[in-house]
């Protein structure tokens, strides 16, 4: 059920943080494609699925090609434009750290 047994105070603190995240995501009204991608990633959590969703919505890159995983990753890793982007970027970098370490270790 739970990974780690938490105290009631720890659980309350985590609930407060998660509720703040939910409120932030739901309050964002995307004005740009990048903001839309960040919001979609907050809901979906997968760059591949976000690329598919963005393409299904009819968005294309400037060269007319559909978005790919690498394009979505680059947008997420780009300079944060708002608080949600900042949170998503931090979480994404933590989530993908193991992969980036493997690549850095063997790049010569």
PDB file of N, CA and C in Angstrom:
ATOM      1  N   UNK A   1       0.829  -1.197   0.000  1.00  0.00           N
ATOM      2  CA  UNK A   1       0.000   0.000   0.000  1.00  0.00           C
ATOM      3  C   UNK A   1       0.867   1.253   0.000  1.00  0.00           C
ATOM      4  N   UNK A   2       1.684   1.452   1.027  1.00  0.00           N
ATOM      5  CA  UNK A   2       2.559   2.623   1.078  1.00  0.00           C
ATOM      6  C   UNK A   2       4.005   2.152   1.037  1.00  0.00           C
ATOM      7  N   UNK A   3       4.844   2.917   0.329  1.00  0.00           N
ATOM      8  CA  UNK A   3       6.256   2.554   0.255  1.00  0.00           C
ATOM      9  C   UNK A   3       6.916   2.676   1.626  1.00  0.00           C
ATOM     10  N   UNK A   4       6.741   3.825   2.224  1.00  0.00           N
ATOM     11  CA  UNK A   4       7.339   4.083   3.536  1.00  0.00           C
ATOM     12  C   UNK A   4       6.233   4.469   4.505  1.00  0.00           C
ATOM     13  N   UNK A   5       6.300   3.941   5.686  1.00  0.00           N
ATOM     14  CA  UNK A   5       5.345   4.331   6.706  1.00  0.00           C
ATOM     15  C   UNK A   5       5.698   5.734   7.184  1.00  0.00           C
ATOM     16  N   UNK A   6       4.739   6.619   7.160  1.00  0.00           N
ATOM     17  CA  UNK A   6       4.976   8.010   7.524  1.00  0.00           C
ATOM     18  C   UNK A   6       4.234   8.342   8.807  1.00  0.00           C
ATOM     19  N   UNK A   7       4.725   9.372   9.455  1.00  0.00           N
ATOM     20  CA  UNK A   7       3.987   9.884  10.600  1.00  0.00           C
ATOM     21  C   UNK A   7       2.808  10.696  10.069  1.00  0.00           C
ATOM     22  N   UNK A   8       1.872  10.986  10.916  1.00  0.00           N
ATOM     23  CA  UNK A   8       0.711  11.775  10.517  1.00  0.00           C
ATOM     24  C   UNK A   8       1.157  13.159  10.058  1.00  0.00           C
ATOM     25  N   UNK A   9       2.100  13.768  10.764  1.00  0.00           N
ATOM     26  CA  UNK A   9       2.584  15.090  10.374  1.00  0.00           C
ATOM     27  C   UNK A   9       3.264  15.050   9.007  1.00  0.00           C
ATOM     28  N   UNK A  10       4.050  14.012   8.742  1.00  0.00           N
ATOM     29  CA  UNK A  10       4.700  13.882   7.434  1.00  0.00           C
ATOM     30  C   UNK A  10       3.655  13.714   6.334  1.00  0.00           C
ATOM     31  N   UNK A  11       2.647  12.927   6.615  1.00  0.00           N
ATOM     32  CA  UNK A  11       1.585  12.706   5.630  1.00  0.00           C
ATOM     33  C   UNK A  11       0.830  14.002   5.342  1.00  0.00           C
ATOM     34  N   UNK A  12       0.522  14.764   6.379  1.00  0.00           N
ATOM     35  CA  UNK A  12      -0.169  16.050   6.185  1.00  0.00           C
ATOM     36  C   UNK A  12       0.673  16.999   5.335  1.00  0.00           C
ATOM     37  N   UNK A  13       1.975  17.041   5.622  1.00  0.00           N
ATOM     38  CA  UNK A  13       2.874  17.913   4.870  1.00  0.00           C
ATOM     39  C   UNK A  13       2.908  17.494   3.394  1.00  0.00           C
ATOM     40  N   UNK A  14       2.980  16.187   3.145  1.00  0.00           N
ATOM     41  CA  UNK A  14       3.004  15.690   1.768  1.00  0.00           C
ATOM     42  C   UNK A  14       1.688  15.991   1.052  1.00  0.00           C
ATOM     43  N   UNK A  15       0.582  15.834   1.746  1.00  0.00           N
ATOM     44  CA  UNK A  15      -0.728  16.146   1.163  1.00  0.00           C
ATOM     45  C   UNK A  15      -0.797  17.625   0.796  1.00  0.00           C
ATOM     46  N   UNK A  16      -0.296  18.482   1.660  1.00  0.00           N
ATOM     47  CA  UNK A  16      -0.311  19.926   1.402  1.00  0.00           C
ATOM     48  C   UNK A  16       0.525  20.261   0.165  1.00  0.00           C
ATOM     49  N   UNK A  17       1.682  19.630   0.034  1.00  0.00           N
ATOM     50  CA  UNK A  17       2.550  19.861  -1.126  1.00  0.00           C
ATOM     51  C   UNK A  17       1.859  19.381  -2.399  1.00  0.00           C
ATOM     52  N   UNK A  18       1.293  18.180  -2.353  1.00  0.00           N
ATOM     53  CA  UNK A  18       0.617  17.621  -3.525  1.00  0.00           C
ATOM     54  C   UNK A  18      -0.611  18.438  -3.910  1.00  0.00           C
ATOM     55  N   UNK A  19      -1.358  18.914  -2.924  1.00  0.00           N
ATOM     56  CA  UNK A  19      -2.539  19.739  -3.220  1.00  0.00           C
ATOM     57  C   UNK A  19      -2.112  21.059  -3.854  1.00  0.00           C
ATOM     58  N   UNK A  20      -1.005  21.611  -3.390  1.00  0.00           N
ATOM     59  CA  UNK A  20      -0.476  22.830  -4.002  1.00  0.00           C
ATOM     60  C   UNK A  20      -0.100  22.600  -5.459  1.00  0.00           C
ATOM     61  N   UNK A  21       0.516  21.446  -5.746  1.00  0.00           N
ATOM     62  CA  UNK A  21       0.883  21.100  -7.116  1.00  0.00           C
ATOM     63  C   UNK A  21      -0.367  20.960  -7.986  1.00  0.00           C
ATOM     64  N   UNK A  22      -1.372  20.262  -7.489  1.00  0.00           N
ATOM     65  CA  UNK A  22      -2.615  20.079  -8.236  1.00  0.00           C
ATOM     66  C   UNK A  22      -3.258  21.431  -8.526  1.00  0.00           C
ATOM     67  N   UNK A  23      -3.329  22.289  -7.522  1.00  0.00           N
ATOM     68  CA  UNK A  23      -3.926  23.618  -7.706  1.00  0.00           C
ATOM     69  C   UNK A  23      -3.154  24.432  -8.744  1.00  0.00           C
ATOM     70  N   UNK A  24      -1.827  24.348  -8.702  1.00  0.00           N
ATOM     71  CA  UNK A  24      -0.999  25.079  -9.658  1.00  0.00           C
ATOM     72  C   UNK A  24      -1.265  24.591 -11.077  1.00  0.00           C
ATOM     73  N   UNK A  25      -1.272  23.279 -11.284  1.00  0.00           N
ATOM     74  CA  UNK A  25      -1.507  22.716 -12.622  1.00  0.00           C
ATOM     75  C   UNK A  25      -2.883  23.124 -13.134  1.00  0.00           C
ATOM     76  N   UNK A  26      -3.888  23.014 -12.288  1.00  0.00           N
ATOM     77  CA  UNK A  26      -5.245  23.326 -12.716  1.00  0.00           C
ATOM     78  C   UNK A  26      -5.473  24.813 -12.956  1.00  0.00           C
ATOM     79  N   UNK A  27      -4.667  25.669 -12.324  1.00  0.00           N
ATOM     80  CA  UNK A  27      -4.852  27.106 -12.485  1.00  0.00           C
ATOM     81  C   UNK A  27      -4.155  27.672 -13.719  1.00  0.00           C
ATOM     82  N   UNK A  28      -3.224  26.935 -14.282  1.00  0.00           N
ATOM     83  CA  UNK A  28      -2.470  27.423 -15.442  1.00  0.00           C
ATOM     84  C   UNK A  28      -3.354  27.426 -16.681  1.00  0.00           C
ATOM     85  N   UNK A  29      -3.400  28.547 -17.355  1.00  0.00           N
ATOM     86  CA  UNK A  29      -4.093  28.678 -18.636  1.00  0.00           C
ATOM     87  C   UNK A  29      -3.015  28.899 -19.696  1.00  0.00           C
ATOM     88  N   UNK A  30      -2.639  27.850 -20.426  1.00  0.00           N
ATOM     89  CA  UNK A  30      -1.530  27.955 -21.374  1.00  0.00           C
ATOM     90  C   UNK A  30      -1.761  29.031 -22.434  1.00  0.00           C
ATOM     91  N   UNK A  31      -0.747  29.881 -22.623  1.00  0.00           N
ATOM     92  CA  UNK A  31      -0.800  30.924 -23.637  1.00  0.00           C
ATOM     93  C   UNK A  31       0.071  30.573 -24.839  1.00  0.00           C
ATOM     94  N   UNK A  32       1.025  29.655 -24.627  1.00  0.00           N
ATOM     95  CA  UNK A  32       1.943  29.266 -25.699  1.00  0.00           C
ATOM     96  C   UNK A  32       1.955  27.744 -25.822  1.00  0.00           C
ATOM     97  N   UNK A  33       2.520  27.270 -26.912  1.00  0.00           N
ATOM     98  CA  UNK A  33       2.643  25.837 -27.113  1.00  0.00           C
ATOM     99  C   UNK A  33       3.513  25.218 -26.027  1.00  0.00           C
ATOM    100  N   UNK A  34       4.589  25.907 -25.650  1.00  0.00           N
ATOM    101  CA  UNK A  34       5.478  25.394 -24.612  1.00  0.00           C
ATOM    102  C   UNK A  34       4.732  25.215 -23.295  1.00  0.00           C
ATOM    103  N   UNK A  35       3.902  26.185 -22.938  1.00  0.00           N
ATOM    104  CA  UNK A  35       3.109  26.086 -21.709  1.00  0.00           C
ATOM    105  C   UNK A  35       2.115  24.929 -21.803  1.00  0.00           C
ATOM    106  N   UNK A  36       1.532  24.728 -22.984  1.00  0.00           N
ATOM    107  CA  UNK A  36       0.605  23.615 -23.186  1.00  0.00           C
ATOM    108  C   UNK A  36       1.332  22.284 -23.002  1.00  0.00           C
ATOM    109  N   UNK A  37       2.556  22.187 -23.517  1.00  0.00           N
ATOM    110  CA  UNK A  37       3.352  20.962 -23.388  1.00  0.00           C
ATOM    111  C   UNK A  37       3.684  20.698 -21.925  1.00  0.00           C
ATOM    112  N   UNK A  38       4.059  21.731 -21.195  1.00  0.00           N
ATOM    113  CA  UNK A  38       4.382  21.584 -19.768  1.00  0.00           C
ATOM    114  C   UNK A  38       3.147  21.095 -19.007  1.00  0.00           C
ATOM    115  N   UNK A  39       1.988  21.682 -19.301  1.00  0.00           N
ATOM    116  CA  UNK A  39       0.767  21.277 -18.607  1.00  0.00           C
ATOM    117  C   UNK A  39       0.400  19.836 -18.958  1.00  0.00           C
ATOM    118  N   UNK A  40       0.530  19.466 -20.224  1.00  0.00           N
ATOM    119  CA  UNK A  40       0.238  18.082 -20.628  1.00  0.00           C
ATOM    120  C   UNK A  40       1.178  17.117 -19.912  1.00  0.00           C
ATOM    121  N   UNK A  41       2.454  17.479 -19.786  1.00  0.00           N
ATOM    122  CA  UNK A  41       3.403  16.609 -19.101  1.00  0.00           C
ATOM    123  C   UNK A  41       3.028  16.471 -17.623  1.00  0.00           C
ATOM    124  N   UNK A  42       2.525  17.541 -17.022  1.00  0.00           N
ATOM    125  CA  UNK A  42       2.097  17.480 -15.619  1.00  0.00           C
ATOM    126  C   UNK A  42       0.966  16.464 -15.450  1.00  0.00           C
ATOM    127  N   UNK A  43       0.098  16.358 -16.440  1.00  0.00           N
ATOM    128  CA  UNK A  43      -1.012  15.409 -16.366  1.00  0.00           C
ATOM    129  C   UNK A  43      -0.606  13.998 -16.771  1.00  0.00           C
ATOM    130  N   UNK A  44       0.236  13.876 -17.802  1.00  0.00           N
ATOM    131  CA  UNK A  44       0.539  12.568 -18.373  1.00  0.00           C
ATOM    132  C   UNK A  44       1.803  11.950 -17.776  1.00  0.00           C
ATOM    133  N   UNK A  45       2.866  12.744 -17.623  1.00  0.00           N
ATOM    134  CA  UNK A  45       4.105  12.242 -17.034  1.00  0.00           C
ATOM    135  C   UNK A  45       4.985  11.438 -17.961  1.00  0.00           C
ATOM    136  N   UNK A  46       4.727  11.497 -19.259  1.00  0.00           N
ATOM    137  CA  UNK A  46       5.509  10.739 -20.233  1.00  0.00           C
ATOM    138  C   UNK A  46       5.778  11.630 -21.445  1.00  0.00           C
ATOM    139  N   UNK A  47       7.057  11.830 -21.778  1.00  0.00           N
ATOM    140  CA  UNK A  47       7.376  12.684 -22.929  1.00  0.00           C
ATOM    141  C   UNK A  47       6.861  12.061 -24.221  1.00  0.00           C
ATOM    142  N   UNK A  48       6.926  10.753 -24.327  1.00  0.00           N
ATOM    143  CA  UNK A  48       6.445  10.078 -25.532  1.00  0.00           C
ATOM    144  C   UNK A  48       4.944  10.287 -25.719  1.00  0.00           C
ATOM    145  N   UNK A  49       4.179  10.131 -24.646  1.00  0.00           N
ATOM    146  CA  UNK A  49       2.732  10.307 -24.729  1.00  0.00           C
ATOM    147  C   UNK A  49       2.356  11.768 -24.966  1.00  0.00           C
ATOM    148  N   UNK A  50       3.131  12.688 -24.403  1.00  0.00           N
ATOM    149  CA  UNK A  50       2.879  14.113 -24.646  1.00  0.00           C
ATOM    150  C   UNK A  50       3.135  14.437 -26.116  1.00  0.00           C
ATOM    151  N   UNK A  51       4.202  13.885 -26.692  1.00  0.00           N
ATOM    152  CA  UNK A  51       4.502  14.113 -28.112  1.00  0.00           C
ATOM    153  C   UNK A  51       3.339  13.626 -28.980  1.00  0.00           C
ATOM    154  N   UNK A  52       2.797  12.475 -28.653  1.00  0.00           N
ATOM    155  CA  UNK A  52       1.663  11.927 -29.400  1.00  0.00           C
ATOM    156  C   UNK A  52       0.441  12.830 -29.246  1.00  0.00           C
ATOM    157  N   UNK A  53       0.159  13.248 -28.013  1.00  0.00           N
ATOM    158  CA  UNK A  53      -1.018  14.086 -27.746  1.00  0.00           C
ATOM    159  C   UNK A  53      -0.913  15.425 -28.464  1.00  0.00           C
ATOM    160  N   UNK A  54       0.260  16.045 -28.419  1.00  0.00           N
ATOM    161  CA  UNK A  54       0.457  17.346 -29.062  1.00  0.00           C
ATOM    162  C   UNK A  54       0.275  17.211 -30.576  1.00  0.00           C
ATOM    163  N   UNK A  55       0.781  16.126 -31.125  1.00  0.00           N
ATOM    164  CA  UNK A  55       0.609  15.891 -32.568  1.00  0.00           C
ATOM    165  C   UNK A  55      -0.863  15.651 -32.903  1.00  0.00           C
ATOM    166  N   UNK A  56      -1.572  14.915 -32.039  1.00  0.00           N
ATOM    167  CA  UNK A  56      -3.004  14.670 -32.254  1.00  0.00           C
ATOM    168  C   UNK A  56      -3.805  15.969 -32.216  1.00  0.00           C
ATOM    169  N   UNK A  57      -3.339  16.929 -31.408  1.00  0.00           N
ATOM    170  CA  UNK A  57      -4.009  18.225 -31.321  1.00  0.00           C
ATOM    171  C   UNK A  57      -3.709  19.098 -32.539  1.00  0.00           C
ATOM    172  N   UNK A  58      -2.819  18.615 -33.418  1.00  0.00           N
ATOM    173  CA  UNK A  58      -2.542  19.325 -34.656  1.00  0.00           C
ATOM    174  C   UNK A  58      -1.328  20.234 -34.625  1.00  0.00           C
ATOM    175  N   UNK A  59      -0.590  20.225 -33.526  1.00  0.00           N
ATOM    176  CA  UNK A  59       0.601  21.062 -33.453  1.00  0.00           C
ATOM    177  C   UNK A  59       1.759  20.396 -34.177  1.00  0.00           C
ATOM    178  N   UNK A  60       2.514  21.198 -34.917  1.00  0.00           N
ATOM    179  CA  UNK A  60       3.690  20.721 -35.622  1.00  0.00           C
ATOM    180  C   UNK A  60       4.871  21.618 -35.296  1.00  0.00           C
ATOM    181  N   UNK A  61       6.077  21.091 -35.466  1.00  0.00           N
ATOM    182  CA  UNK A  61       7.281  21.894 -35.280  1.00  0.00           C
ATOM    183  C   UNK A  61       7.350  22.920 -36.413  1.00  0.00           C
ATOM    184  N   UNK A  62       8.260  23.872 -36.300  1.00  0.00           N
ATOM    185  CA  UNK A  62       8.371  24.929 -37.301  1.00  0.00           C
ATOM    186  C   UNK A  62       8.694  24.392 -38.694  1.00  0.00           C
ATOM    187  N   UNK A  63       9.309  23.222 -38.770  1.00  0.00           N
ATOM    188  CA  UNK A  63       9.618  22.631 -40.076  1.00  0.00           C
ATOM    189  C   UNK A  63       8.480  21.750 -40.610  1.00  0.00           C
ATOM    190  N   UNK A  64       7.331  21.749 -39.913  1.00  0.00           N
ATOM    191  CA  UNK A  64       6.170  20.994 -40.369  1.00  0.00           C
ATOM    192  C   UNK A  64       6.139  19.544 -39.924  1.00  0.00           C
ATOM    193  N   UNK A  65       7.143  19.107 -39.191  1.00  0.00           N
ATOM    194  CA  UNK A  65       7.216  17.727 -38.715  1.00  0.00           C
ATOM    195  C   UNK A  65       6.488  17.597 -37.376  1.00  0.00           C
ATOM    196  N   UNK A  66       5.983  16.406 -37.052  1.00  0.00           N
ATOM    197  CA  UNK A  66       5.354  16.210 -35.733  1.00  0.00           C
ATOM    198  C   UNK A  66       6.408  16.228 -34.621  1.00  0.00           C
ATOM    199  N   UNK A  67       5.954  16.524 -33.419  1.00  0.00           N
ATOM    200  CA  UNK A  67       6.853  16.548 -32.265  1.00  0.00           C
ATOM    201  C   UNK A  67       7.299  15.134 -31.917  1.00  0.00           C
ATOM    202  N   UNK A  68       8.541  15.022 -31.483  1.00  0.00           N
ATOM    203  CA  UNK A  68       9.095  13.751 -31.036  1.00  0.00           C
ATOM    204  C   UNK A  68       9.485  13.873 -29.575  1.00  0.00           C
ATOM    205  N   UNK A  69       9.844  12.724 -28.967  1.00  0.00           N
ATOM    206  CA  UNK A  69      10.216  12.698 -27.551  1.00  0.00           C
ATOM    207  C   UNK A  69      11.303  13.716 -27.237  1.00  0.00           C
ATOM    208  N   UNK A  70      12.323  13.781 -28.090  1.00  0.00           N
ATOM    209  CA  UNK A  70      13.457  14.670 -27.844  1.00  0.00           C
ATOM    210  C   UNK A  70      13.023  16.138 -27.831  1.00  0.00           C
ATOM    211  N   UNK A  71      12.061  16.492 -28.685  1.00  0.00           N
ATOM    212  CA  UNK A  71      11.554  17.864 -28.730  1.00  0.00           C
ATOM    213  C   UNK A  71      10.867  18.223 -27.408  1.00  0.00           C
ATOM    214  N   UNK A  72      10.060  17.298 -26.912  1.00  0.00           N
ATOM    215  CA  UNK A  72       9.346  17.523 -25.653  1.00  0.00           C
ATOM    216  C   UNK A  72      10.357  17.623 -24.510  1.00  0.00           C
ATOM    217  N   UNK A  73      11.345  16.737 -24.485  1.00  0.00           N
ATOM    218  CA  UNK A  73      12.379  16.769 -23.451  1.00  0.00           C
ATOM    219  C   UNK A  73      13.120  18.098 -23.469  1.00  0.00           C
ATOM    220  N   UNK A  74      13.457  18.577 -24.652  1.00  0.00           N
ATOM    221  CA  UNK A  74      14.180  19.842 -24.766  1.00  0.00           C
ATOM    222  C   UNK A  74      13.351  21.015 -24.255  1.00  0.00           C
ATOM    223  N   UNK A  75      12.057  20.995 -24.506  1.00  0.00           N
ATOM    224  CA  UNK A  75      11.189  22.059 -23.997  1.00  0.00           C
ATOM    225  C   UNK A  75      11.134  21.999 -22.475  1.00  0.00           C
ATOM    226  N   UNK A  76      10.988  20.808 -21.921  1.00  0.00           N
ATOM    227  CA  UNK A  76      10.935  20.660 -20.462  1.00  0.00           C
ATOM    228  C   UNK A  76      12.252  21.106 -19.831  1.00  0.00           C
ATOM    229  N   UNK A  77      13.376  20.735 -20.444  1.00  0.00           N
ATOM    230  CA  UNK A  77      14.687  21.082 -19.896  1.00  0.00           C
ATOM    231  C   UNK A  77      15.091  22.525 -20.177  1.00  0.00           C
ATOM    232  N   UNK A  78      14.303  23.238 -20.969  1.00  0.00           N
ATOM    233  CA  UNK A  78      14.604  24.630 -21.302  1.00  0.00           C
ATOM    234  C   UNK A  78      14.431  25.552 -20.107  1.00  0.00           C
ATOM    235  N   UNK A  79      14.702  26.831 -20.344  1.00  0.00           N
ATOM    236  CA  UNK A  79      14.578  27.835 -19.279  1.00  0.00           C
ATOM    237  C   UNK A  79      13.120  27.928 -18.828  1.00  0.00           C
ATOM    238  N   UNK A  80      12.870  27.742 -17.525  1.00  0.00           N
ATOM    239  CA  UNK A  80      11.490  27.784 -17.012  1.00  0.00           C
ATOM    240  C   UNK A  80      10.827  29.137 -17.261  1.00  0.00           C
ATOM    241  N   UNK A  81       9.585  29.079 -17.709  1.00  0.00           N
ATOM    242  CA  UNK A  81       8.834  30.294 -17.997  1.00  0.00           C
ATOM    243  C   UNK A  81       7.821  30.637 -16.901  1.00  0.00           C
ATOM    244  N   UNK A  82       7.533  29.679 -16.016  1.00  0.00           N
ATOM    245  CA  UNK A  82       6.602  29.930 -14.909  1.00  0.00           C
ATOM    246  C   UNK A  82       6.874  28.924 -13.785  1.00  0.00           C
ATOM    247  N   UNK A  83       6.123  29.027 -12.698  1.00  0.00           N
ATOM    248  CA  UNK A  83       6.348  28.152 -11.538  1.00  0.00           C
ATOM    249  C   UNK A  83       6.104  26.679 -11.867  1.00  0.00           C
ATOM    250  N   UNK A  84       5.087  26.403 -12.680  1.00  0.00           N
ATOM    251  CA  UNK A  84       4.812  25.015 -13.038  1.00  0.00           C
ATOM    252  C   UNK A  84       5.977  24.441 -13.845  1.00  0.00           C
ATOM    253  N   UNK A  85       6.480  25.207 -14.785  1.00  0.00           N
ATOM    254  CA  UNK A  85       7.615  24.741 -15.592  1.00  0.00           C
ATOM    255  C   UNK A  85       8.820  24.473 -14.695  1.00  0.00           C
ATOM    256  N   UNK A  86       9.033  25.327 -13.719  1.00  0.00           N
ATOM    257  CA  UNK A  86      10.156  25.149 -12.788  1.00  0.00           C
ATOM    258  C   UNK A  86      10.019  23.826 -12.026  1.00  0.00           C
ATOM    259  N   UNK A  87       8.823  23.543 -11.521  1.00  0.00           N
ATOM    260  CA  UNK A  87       8.577  22.287 -10.796  1.00  0.00           C
ATOM    261  C   UNK A  87       8.719  21.075 -11.705  1.00  0.00           C
ATOM    262  N   UNK A  88       8.151  21.165 -12.891  1.00  0.00           N
ATOM    263  CA  UNK A  88       8.210  20.049 -13.843  1.00  0.00           C
ATOM    264  C   UNK A  88       9.649  19.777 -14.242  1.00  0.00           C
ATOM    265  N   UNK A  89      10.409  20.829 -14.511  1.00  0.00           N
ATOM    266  CA  UNK A  89      11.806  20.652 -14.915  1.00  0.00           C
ATOM    267  C   UNK A  89      12.599  19.967 -13.811  1.00  0.00           C
ATOM    268  N   UNK A  90      12.428  20.405 -12.580  1.00  0.00           N
ATOM    269  CA  UNK A  90      13.134  19.804 -11.451  1.00  0.00           C
ATOM    270  C   UNK A  90      12.786  18.323 -11.319  1.00  0.00           C
ATOM    271  N   UNK A  91      11.513  18.008 -11.361  1.00  0.00           N
ATOM    272  CA  UNK A  91      11.079  16.619 -11.260  1.00  0.00           C
ATOM    273  C   UNK A  91      11.552  15.779 -12.429  1.00  0.00           C
ATOM    274  N   UNK A  92      11.523  16.355 -13.626  1.00  0.00           N
ATOM    275  CA  UNK A  92      11.965  15.636 -14.824  1.00  0.00           C
ATOM    276  C   UNK A  92      13.452  15.322 -14.746  1.00  0.00           C
ATOM    277  N   UNK A  93      14.242  16.300 -14.301  1.00  0.00           N
ATOM    278  CA  UNK A  93      15.680  16.072 -14.201  1.00  0.00           C
ATOM    279  C   UNK A  93      16.002  15.010 -13.151  1.00  0.00           C
ATOM    280  N   UNK A  94      15.242  14.993 -12.053  1.00  0.00           N
ATOM    281  CA  UNK A  94      15.436  13.944 -11.053  1.00  0.00           C
ATOM    282  C   UNK A  94      15.032  12.585 -11.615  1.00  0.00           C
ATOM    283  N   UNK A  95      13.925  12.554 -12.344  1.00  0.00           N
ATOM    284  CA  UNK A  95      13.396  11.307 -12.894  1.00  0.00           C
ATOM    285  C   UNK A  95      14.339  10.709 -13.937  1.00  0.00           C
ATOM    286  N   UNK A  96      15.018  11.556 -14.703  1.00  0.00           N
ATOM    287  CA  UNK A  96      15.868  11.083 -15.797  1.00  0.00           C
ATOM    288  C   UNK A  96      17.352  11.089 -15.448  1.00  0.00           C
ATOM    289  N   UNK A  97      17.668  11.332 -14.217  1.00  0.00           N
ATOM    290  CA  UNK A  97      19.072  11.437 -13.812  1.00  0.00           C
ATOM    291  C   UNK A  97      19.862  10.171 -14.116  1.00  0.00           C
ATOM    292  N   UNK A  98      19.281   9.021 -13.824  1.00  0.00           N
ATOM    293  CA  UNK A  98      19.992   7.760 -14.043  1.00  0.00           C
ATOM    294  C   UNK A  98      20.346   7.573 -15.516  1.00  0.00           C
ATOM    295  N   UNK A  99      19.466   7.958 -16.405  1.00  0.00           N
ATOM    296  CA  UNK A  99      19.727   7.827 -17.837  1.00  0.00           C
ATOM    297  C   UNK A  99      20.814   8.795 -18.281  1.00  0.00           C
ATOM    298  N   UNK A 100      20.733  10.028 -17.801  1.00  0.00           N
ATOM    299  CA  UNK A 100      21.740  11.020 -18.188  1.00  0.00           C
ATOM    300  C   UNK A 100      23.107  10.653 -17.639  1.00  0.00           C
ATOM    301  N   UNK A 101      23.178  10.039 -16.489  1.00  0.00           N
ATOM    302  CA  UNK A 101      24.462   9.609 -15.926  1.00  0.00           C
ATOM    303  C   UNK A 101      25.106   8.527 -16.789  1.00  0.00           C
ATOM    304  N   UNK A 102      24.312   7.583 -17.283  1.00  0.00           N
ATOM    305  CA  UNK A 102      24.844   6.525 -18.140  1.00  0.00           C
ATOM    306  C   UNK A 102      25.425   7.115 -19.419  1.00  0.00           C
ATOM    307  N   UNK A 103      24.717   8.057 -20.006  1.00  0.00           N
ATOM    308  CA  UNK A 103      25.178   8.679 -21.250  1.00  0.00           C
ATOM    309  C   UNK A 103      26.464   9.461 -20.995  1.00  0.00           C
ATOM    310  N   UNK A 104      26.512  10.234 -19.914  1.00  0.00           N
ATOM    311  CA  UNK A 104      27.701  11.033 -19.592  1.00  0.00           C
ATOM    312  C   UNK A 104      28.894  10.137 -19.313  1.00  0.00           C
ATOM    313  N   UNK A 105      28.659   9.004 -18.687  1.00  0.00           N
ATOM    314  CA  UNK A 105      29.742   8.099 -18.314  1.00  0.00           C
ATOM    315  C   UNK A 105      30.441   7.543 -19.548  1.00  0.00           C
ATOM    316  N   UNK A 106      29.690   7.277 -20.611  1.00  0.00           N
ATOM    317  CA  UNK A 106      30.252   6.633 -21.784  1.00  0.00           C
ATOM    318  C   UNK A 106      30.449   7.563 -22.978  1.00  0.00           C
ATOM    319  N   UNK A 107      30.212   8.842 -22.808  1.00  0.00           N
ATOM    320  CA  UNK A 107      30.454   9.742 -23.949  1.00  0.00           C
ATOM    321  C   UNK A 107      31.906  10.172 -23.943  1.00  0.00           C
ATOM    322  N   UNK A 108      32.561   9.954 -25.060  1.00  0.00           N
ATOM    323  CA  UNK A 108      33.975  10.320 -25.168  1.00  0.00           C
ATOM    324  C   UNK A 108      34.241  11.100 -26.390  1.00  0.00           C
TER     325      UNK A 108
END
